[in-house]
Amino acid sequence: MRATPHTTTMRVSIALMLLIAWAPSILLTGCGGNANSQGSEPEPEASVPAVPVEAAVASRGQISAFFSGTATLEAEQEAFVVAKAGGIVEEIFVEEGSAVEAGTPLAKLDDERLALDMERARVTLERMQRESERQKEMFDKQLVSAEEYESVRSEYEAQKAVYDLSVLQVEHTTVRAPITGVVSERFIKVGNMVQSNEQTFRVTDFRPLLAILYVPERELHRLRVGQRAEVRVDALSGDVFPGAIDRVSPVVDPSTGTFKVTVEVDDPTRRLKPGMFGRVSIVSDTRADVILVPRTAVLTEDNEESVFTVEDSVAVRRLVRTGYSDASMIEIADGVDEGSVVITIGQNNLRDSSRVVVINQ
């Protein structure tokens, strides 16, 4: 059926009437939505939590530069005691660990045969002494010639030497300490047959002990006699023993490019022993009134050194130039001022401007 102009007009009128009827609802719905939006609180943005760290304050102090090396500890004096006479060991007077003075008896060898030889030499010497005195009286009275008197006198002198030698051999059956120290080793037992010049004991003088270092020639101008040193040994971890340079060789070994440095180690407790492996640090220079921070505060990356400082609860990365360092502290030559708070633990995962909270203050 074909629409007429009248019909079209009626349809338009109906649409307008429906639009007018729905308009209040649309407006109310719109206003209600705006009212609810204005009345509710906006959701807060998600905040990043602060990173817990430990920190320390940069301060001024003194720090030293060290040359470090390794060495095996040696005794300044050590002697292998040999028997000066042969014989069977009858008695031992000391044991390993015994402290002895020079001349202290260590052991006694059988001297029965040597004692008999000494007694025979003594009797012969006394007889020849009387003969020599008689010949001298006769010579003074010109009853014998000078040749006869000199012959008897020479025989007496020779016999006196024989007797003195026999006395010395008997004395040598007592083995004595040649130096003051500690018996570090015993090689004989009671009943052993000992030959002349055979080793019987080893005596070691533990004071002082020496650490011998072979230092590169470039360090020659930095090391001198009297410089302070510190010695640590693996067997006594954590203990530090003081020492000082005792000798510096003026000659450089051309085959190795090193020179010999002898460090004297002081150990009144005698815990250090010859043969121990030691780590030696020699103080080559000292700087006073410099800025120091803990070594753990300094990070090294791409040949750059940096620290994180705490400023208003924010970590700030600062490039630094370092100087001397020791076991715990490091000198900051540039980049950090005295009194700055530097992060010592927890900075490895930080970025510049990260929020932090210091937990050790």
Protein backbone atom coordinates (compact mmCIF):
# COMPACT_ATOMS: atom_id res chain seq x y z
CA MET A 1 0.00 0.00 0.00
CA ARG A 2 1.44 3.33 -0.96
CA ALA A 3 2.04 5.85 1.82
CA THR A 4 0.26 9.13 1.45
CA PRO A 5 1.52 12.52 2.65
CA HIS A 6 -1.04 12.37 5.44
CA THR A 7 0.26 9.05 6.65
CA THR A 8 3.89 10.25 6.68
CA THR A 9 2.97 13.27 8.73
CA MET A 10 1.27 11.12 11.34
CA ARG A 11 4.34 8.87 11.71
CA VAL A 12 6.62 11.84 12.34
CA SER A 13 4.24 13.21 14.93
CA ILE A 14 4.19 9.90 16.82
CA ALA A 15 8.03 9.74 16.86
CA LEU A 16 8.28 13.24 18.28
CA MET A 17 5.79 12.43 21.00
CA LEU A 18 7.74 9.31 22.03
CA LEU A 19 11.03 11.29 22.10
CA ILE A 20 9.45 13.93 24.36
CA ALA A 21 8.16 11.21 26.69
CA TRP A 22 11.54 9.52 27.06
CA ALA A 23 13.65 12.70 27.47
CA PRO A 24 13.17 13.09 31.29
CA SER A 25 14.29 9.52 31.90
CA ILE A 26 17.38 9.98 29.79
CA LEU A 27 18.22 13.23 31.55
CA LEU A 28 17.64 11.70 35.03
CA THR A 29 19.81 8.75 34.18
CA GLY A 30 22.58 11.04 33.00
CA CYS A 31 22.39 13.26 36.08
CA GLY A 32 22.35 10.29 38.41
CA GLY A 33 25.53 8.94 36.85
CA ASN A 34 27.35 12.23 37.23
CA ALA A 35 26.22 12.56 40.84
CA ASN A 36 27.51 9.13 41.74
CA SER A 37 30.84 9.85 40.03
CA GLN A 38 31.31 13.09 41.95
CA GLY A 39 30.33 11.60 45.29
CA SER A 40 32.81 8.60 45.30
CA GLU A 41 36.57 8.82 46.21
CA PRO A 42 39.09 8.24 43.34
CA GLU A 43 41.13 5.03 43.62
CA PRO A 44 44.78 5.74 44.72
CA GLU A 45 47.58 4.87 42.35
CA ALA A 46 49.74 1.78 43.33
CA SER A 47 52.86 3.01 45.20
CA VAL A 48 56.29 1.26 44.99
CA PRO A 49 57.47 0.05 48.45
CA ALA A 50 60.73 1.44 49.87
CA VAL A 51 63.74 -0.92 49.69
CA PRO A 52 65.27 -1.76 53.09
CA VAL A 53 69.02 -1.04 53.19
CA GLU A 54 71.83 -0.62 55.66
CA ALA A 55 73.95 2.53 55.63
CA ALA A 56 76.93 4.24 57.24
CA VAL A 57 78.15 7.81 57.55
CA ALA A 58 81.22 8.93 55.59
CA SER A 59 83.78 10.14 58.11
CA ARG A 60 87.34 11.39 58.24
CA GLY A 61 90.19 9.22 59.46
CA GLN A 62 93.52 7.63 58.70
CA ILE A 63 94.18 4.81 56.26
CA SER A 64 97.27 2.99 55.04
CA ALA A 65 98.35 1.41 51.79
CA PHE A 66 99.61 -2.16 51.99
CA PHE A 67 101.83 -4.39 49.95
CA SER A 68 100.60 -7.95 50.34
CA GLY A 69 102.40 -11.21 49.72
CA THR A 70 102.72 -14.77 50.93
CA ALA A 71 105.59 -16.51 52.66
CA THR A 72 106.46 -19.59 54.67
CA LEU A 73 107.55 -18.75 58.20
CA GLU A 74 111.13 -19.58 59.07
CA ALA A 75 113.13 -19.58 62.29
CA GLU A 76 115.93 -17.05 62.62
CA GLN A 77 118.07 -19.67 64.33
CA GLU A 78 117.72 -23.43 64.00
CA ALA A 79 120.28 -26.17 64.59
CA PHE A 80 120.46 -29.88 63.93
CA VAL A 81 122.38 -31.25 66.92
CA VAL A 82 124.89 -33.97 65.99
CA ALA A 83 126.73 -36.36 68.25
CA LYS A 84 130.40 -35.43 68.52
CA ALA A 85 131.26 -38.91 69.74
CA GLY A 86 129.92 -42.37 69.01
CA GLY A 87 128.23 -44.63 71.52
CA ILE A 88 125.01 -46.16 72.80
CA VAL A 89 122.35 -43.76 74.09
CA GLU A 90 122.09 -44.28 77.84
CA GLU A 91 119.76 -41.45 78.82
CA ILE A 92 117.64 -38.71 77.24
CA PHE A 93 117.06 -35.57 79.31
CA VAL A 94 114.59 -33.62 77.13
CA GLU A 95 111.62 -34.23 74.89
CA GLU A 96 110.10 -32.43 71.91
CA GLY A 97 108.69 -29.10 73.08
CA SER A 98 111.21 -28.68 75.89
CA ALA A 99 112.72 -25.21 76.20
CA VAL A 100 116.51 -25.34 76.48
CA GLU A 101 119.36 -22.90 76.94
CA ALA A 102 122.60 -23.06 75.00
CA GLY A 103 124.75 -25.77 76.64
CA THR A 104 121.84 -27.64 78.22
CA PRO A 105 122.48 -31.45 78.26
CA LEU A 106 120.10 -33.23 75.89
CA ALA A 107 121.28 -36.84 76.06
CA LYS A 108 124.06 -39.02 77.48
CA LEU A 109 126.00 -41.64 75.51
CA ASP A 110 127.93 -44.60 76.86
CA ASP A 111 131.44 -43.35 77.83
CA GLU A 112 132.96 -46.42 79.54
CA ARG A 113 135.64 -47.09 76.94
CA LEU A 114 136.46 -43.43 76.50
CA ALA A 115 136.71 -43.00 80.28
CA LEU A 116 139.27 -45.82 80.44
CA ASP A 117 141.26 -44.23 77.63
CA MET A 118 141.19 -40.95 79.52
CA GLU A 119 142.41 -42.58 82.71
CA ARG A 120 145.27 -44.29 80.89
CA ALA A 121 146.27 -41.01 79.27
CA ARG A 122 146.17 -39.31 82.66
CA VAL A 123 148.51 -41.86 84.28
CA THR A 124 150.96 -41.62 81.38
CA LEU A 125 150.84 -37.83 81.54
CA GLU A 126 151.66 -37.78 85.24
CA ARG A 127 154.62 -40.11 84.71
CA MET A 128 155.97 -38.00 81.88
CA GLN A 129 155.43 -34.84 83.91
CA ARG A 130 157.66 -36.20 86.67
CA GLU A 131 160.26 -37.21 84.09
CA SER A 132 160.15 -33.76 82.54
CA GLU A 133 160.67 -32.10 85.92
CA ARG A 134 163.60 -34.40 86.71
CA GLN A 135 165.18 -33.66 83.35
CA LYS A 136 164.79 -29.94 83.95
CA GLU A 137 166.64 -30.17 87.26
CA MET A 138 169.45 -32.08 85.63
CA PHE A 139 169.56 -29.62 82.76
CA ASP A 140 169.78 -26.71 85.20
CA LYS A 141 172.79 -28.47 86.78
CA GLN A 142 174.17 -29.06 83.28
CA LEU A 143 174.06 -32.84 83.80
CA VAL A 144 172.13 -33.46 80.54
CA SER A 145 172.28 -31.80 77.17
CA ALA A 146 169.71 -29.39 75.87
CA GLU A 147 168.69 -31.93 73.19
CA GLU A 148 167.86 -34.57 75.79
CA TYR A 149 165.86 -32.12 77.88
CA GLU A 150 163.91 -30.82 74.86
CA SER A 151 163.14 -34.38 73.76
CA VAL A 152 161.62 -35.29 77.13
CA ARG A 153 159.76 -32.00 77.31
CA SER A 154 158.27 -32.52 73.81
CA GLU A 155 157.10 -36.00 74.76
CA TYR A 156 155.38 -34.55 77.81
CA GLU A 157 153.62 -31.87 75.74
CA ALA A 158 152.46 -34.49 73.24
CA GLN A 159 151.08 -36.68 76.01
CA LYS A 160 149.29 -33.68 77.52
CA ALA A 161 147.54 -33.17 74.17
CA VAL A 162 146.55 -36.84 74.13
CA TYR A 163 145.06 -36.50 77.61
CA ASP A 164 143.20 -33.28 76.75
CA LEU A 165 141.75 -34.99 73.69
CA SER A 166 140.55 -37.96 75.72
CA VAL A 167 138.88 -35.57 78.21
CA LEU A 168 137.17 -33.80 75.35
CA GLN A 169 135.91 -37.09 73.91
CA VAL A 170 134.39 -38.02 77.25
CA GLU A 171 132.72 -34.61 77.46
CA HIS A 172 131.33 -35.11 73.96
CA THR A 173 129.40 -38.16 75.11
CA THR A 174 127.00 -35.63 76.64
CA VAL A 175 124.98 -34.13 73.78
CA ARG A 176 124.32 -30.44 74.47
CA ALA A 177 122.12 -27.76 72.90
CA PRO A 178 124.17 -25.42 70.70
CA ILE A 179 121.60 -22.60 70.83
CA THR A 180 118.78 -21.39 73.06
CA GLY A 181 115.37 -22.48 71.83
CA VAL A 182 112.88 -25.32 71.84
CA VAL A 183 113.51 -28.98 71.04
CA SER A 184 111.47 -29.33 67.86
CA GLU A 185 112.50 -32.86 66.91
CA ARG A 186 114.19 -35.90 68.48
CA PHE A 187 115.87 -38.50 66.28
CA ILE A 188 117.25 -40.96 68.87
CA LYS A 189 115.96 -43.37 71.49
CA VAL A 190 117.53 -44.94 74.56
CA GLY A 191 119.57 -47.94 73.44
CA ASN A 192 120.27 -46.63 69.93
CA MET A 193 123.82 -46.85 68.65
CA VAL A 194 124.84 -43.36 67.59
CA GLN A 195 127.73 -42.67 65.27
CA SER A 196 129.88 -39.58 65.40
CA ASN A 197 128.30 -36.67 63.46
CA GLU A 198 124.88 -38.35 63.44
CA GLN A 199 121.81 -36.11 63.96
CA THR A 200 120.24 -36.49 67.39
CA PHE A 201 117.97 -33.46 67.92
CA ARG A 202 116.73 -30.33 66.22
CA VAL A 203 116.56 -27.14 68.29
CA THR A 204 114.61 -24.15 67.00
CA ASP A 205 114.61 -20.58 68.25
CA PHE A 206 111.05 -19.29 67.75
CA ARG A 207 111.84 -15.68 68.62
CA PRO A 208 111.84 -14.16 66.22
CA LEU A 209 110.19 -15.93 63.31
CA LEU A 210 110.87 -14.60 59.84
CA ALA A 211 108.68 -14.25 56.76
CA ILE A 212 110.73 -14.08 53.57
CA LEU A 213 109.06 -12.23 50.69
CA TYR A 214 110.20 -11.82 47.11
CA VAL A 215 108.81 -8.48 46.01
CA PRO A 216 108.55 -7.08 42.44
CA GLU A 217 111.24 -4.50 41.72
CA ARG A 218 108.64 -1.75 41.14
CA GLU A 219 108.00 -1.79 44.92
CA LEU A 220 111.67 -1.22 45.81
CA HIS A 221 111.23 2.51 46.44
CA ARG A 222 108.22 1.93 48.74
CA LEU A 223 109.69 -0.60 51.19
CA ARG A 224 112.34 0.12 53.79
CA VAL A 225 113.64 -1.29 57.06
CA GLY A 226 111.38 -0.65 60.04
CA GLN A 227 108.07 -0.43 58.18
CA ARG A 228 105.18 -1.98 60.05
CA ALA A 229 103.72 -5.29 58.87
CA GLU A 230 100.86 -7.63 59.74
CA VAL A 231 100.94 -11.40 59.38
CA ARG A 232 98.00 -13.79 59.15
CA VAL A 233 98.24 -17.58 58.88
CA ASP A 234 95.63 -19.97 57.55
CA ALA A 235 95.94 -22.24 60.59
CA LEU A 236 95.02 -19.38 62.96
CA SER A 237 92.32 -17.61 60.99
CA GLY A 238 91.25 -14.28 62.40
CA ASP A 239 94.44 -13.67 64.38
CA VAL A 240 96.80 -10.89 63.31
CA PHE A 241 100.45 -10.91 64.38
CA PRO A 242 102.47 -7.67 64.27
CA GLY A 243 105.85 -7.44 62.63
CA ALA A 244 108.28 -5.14 60.89
CA ILE A 245 110.71 -5.22 57.99
CA ASP A 246 114.07 -6.38 59.32
CA ARG A 247 116.11 -6.53 56.10
CA VAL A 248 115.70 -5.36 52.50
CA SER A 249 118.06 -6.79 49.91
CA PRO A 250 119.59 -4.09 47.70
CA VAL A 251 119.96 -6.56 44.82
CA VAL A 252 117.24 -7.43 42.28
CA ASP A 253 117.28 -10.96 40.90
CA PRO A 254 117.43 -10.46 37.11
CA SER A 255 115.82 -13.84 36.42
CA THR A 256 112.66 -13.08 38.43
CA GLY A 257 112.67 -9.28 38.69
CA THR A 258 112.22 -9.48 42.47
CA PHE A 259 114.17 -8.54 45.56
CA LYS A 260 114.20 -10.20 48.98
CA VAL A 261 112.41 -8.65 51.96
CA THR A 262 112.72 -10.19 55.42
CA VAL A 263 109.89 -9.46 57.87
CA GLU A 264 110.41 -10.18 61.57
CA VAL A 265 107.21 -11.46 63.22
CA ASP A 266 106.50 -10.93 66.90
CA ASP A 267 104.62 -13.78 68.61
CA PRO A 268 105.15 -13.87 72.40
CA THR A 269 102.46 -16.56 72.66
CA ARG A 270 104.52 -18.93 70.45
CA ARG A 271 101.46 -20.02 68.52
CA LEU A 272 103.24 -19.46 65.22
CA LYS A 273 105.46 -22.30 64.09
CA PRO A 274 108.18 -22.51 61.46
CA GLY A 275 106.79 -23.88 58.24
CA MET A 276 103.36 -22.23 58.58
CA PHE A 277 102.01 -20.51 55.47
CA GLY A 278 101.56 -16.81 56.14
CA ARG A 279 99.94 -13.86 54.40
CA VAL A 280 101.97 -10.71 54.96
CA SER A 281 100.77 -7.12 54.60
CA ILE A 282 103.35 -4.36 54.78
CA VAL A 283 102.29 -0.77 55.44
CA SER A 284 103.93 1.18 52.61
CA ASP A 285 102.24 4.57 53.12
CA THR A 286 99.70 6.26 55.42
CA ARG A 287 97.27 9.12 54.73
CA ALA A 288 95.59 11.06 57.51
CA ASP A 289 92.40 13.16 57.56
CA VAL A 290 90.79 11.59 54.50
CA ILE A 291 87.13 10.64 53.87
CA LEU A 292 86.48 6.97 54.57
CA VAL A 293 83.51 4.71 53.88
CA PRO A 294 83.08 0.94 54.32
CA ARG A 295 84.45 -1.05 51.39
CA THR A 296 81.05 -2.67 50.87
CA ALA A 297 79.61 0.71 49.91
CA VAL A 298 81.63 0.99 46.70
CA LEU A 299 80.29 -0.65 43.53
CA THR A 300 82.42 -1.23 40.44
CA GLU A 301 80.84 -1.54 37.01
CA ASP A 302 82.30 -0.90 33.56
CA ASN A 303 85.50 0.47 35.12
CA GLU A 304 83.44 3.01 37.06
CA GLU A 305 83.22 3.18 40.83
CA SER A 306 80.12 4.53 42.50
CA VAL A 307 78.20 4.67 45.76
CA PHE A 308 74.55 5.22 46.63
CA THR A 309 73.87 8.00 49.10
CA VAL A 310 70.60 8.41 50.98
CA GLU A 311 68.98 11.83 50.48
CA ASP A 312 65.42 12.37 51.76
CA SER A 313 64.76 8.60 51.73
CA VAL A 314 65.88 8.40 48.10
CA ALA A 315 68.97 6.55 46.84
CA VAL A 316 71.20 8.77 44.70
CA ARG A 317 73.97 7.16 42.66
CA ARG A 318 77.24 9.09 42.73
CA LEU A 319 80.42 8.37 40.82
CA VAL A 320 83.48 8.41 43.08
CA ARG A 321 87.25 8.29 42.86
CA THR A 322 88.84 6.00 45.43
CA GLY A 323 92.28 5.89 47.03
CA TYR A 324 93.85 3.57 49.61
CA SER A 325 91.89 0.71 51.12
CA ASP A 326 92.33 -1.83 53.87
CA ALA A 327 90.34 -4.83 55.09
CA SER A 328 87.25 -2.80 56.01
CA MET A 329 87.47 0.83 54.82
CA ILE A 330 88.25 2.64 51.58
CA GLU A 331 89.32 6.21 50.92
CA ILE A 332 87.01 8.41 48.84
CA ALA A 333 89.14 11.00 47.09
CA ASP A 334 86.25 12.63 45.23
CA GLY A 335 82.47 12.27 44.93
CA VAL A 336 81.27 12.03 48.53
CA ASP A 337 81.43 14.62 51.30
CA GLU A 338 82.02 14.06 54.97
CA GLY A 339 78.77 13.24 56.76
CA SER A 340 77.05 11.75 53.71
CA VAL A 341 75.01 8.64 54.39
CA VAL A 342 76.16 5.87 52.05
CA ILE A 343 74.38 2.56 51.53
CA THR A 344 76.52 -0.41 52.52
CA ILE A 345 74.13 -3.36 52.14
CA GLY A 346 71.24 -3.72 49.70
CA GLN A 347 72.44 -1.36 46.98
CA ASN A 348 73.17 -3.97 44.32
CA ASN A 349 69.60 -3.97 43.01
CA LEU A 350 68.93 -0.26 43.44
CA ARG A 351 68.45 2.29 40.70
CA ASP A 352 69.05 6.00 40.86
CA SER A 353 66.15 7.71 42.73
CA SER A 354 64.81 4.47 44.24
CA ARG A 355 62.94 4.91 47.50
CA VAL A 356 64.80 3.35 50.45
CA VAL A 357 64.44 2.91 54.18
CA VAL A 358 67.56 2.60 56.38
CA ILE A 359 67.05 -0.23 58.88
CA ASN A 360 70.25 0.02 60.94
CA GLN A 361 69.83 3.57 62.25
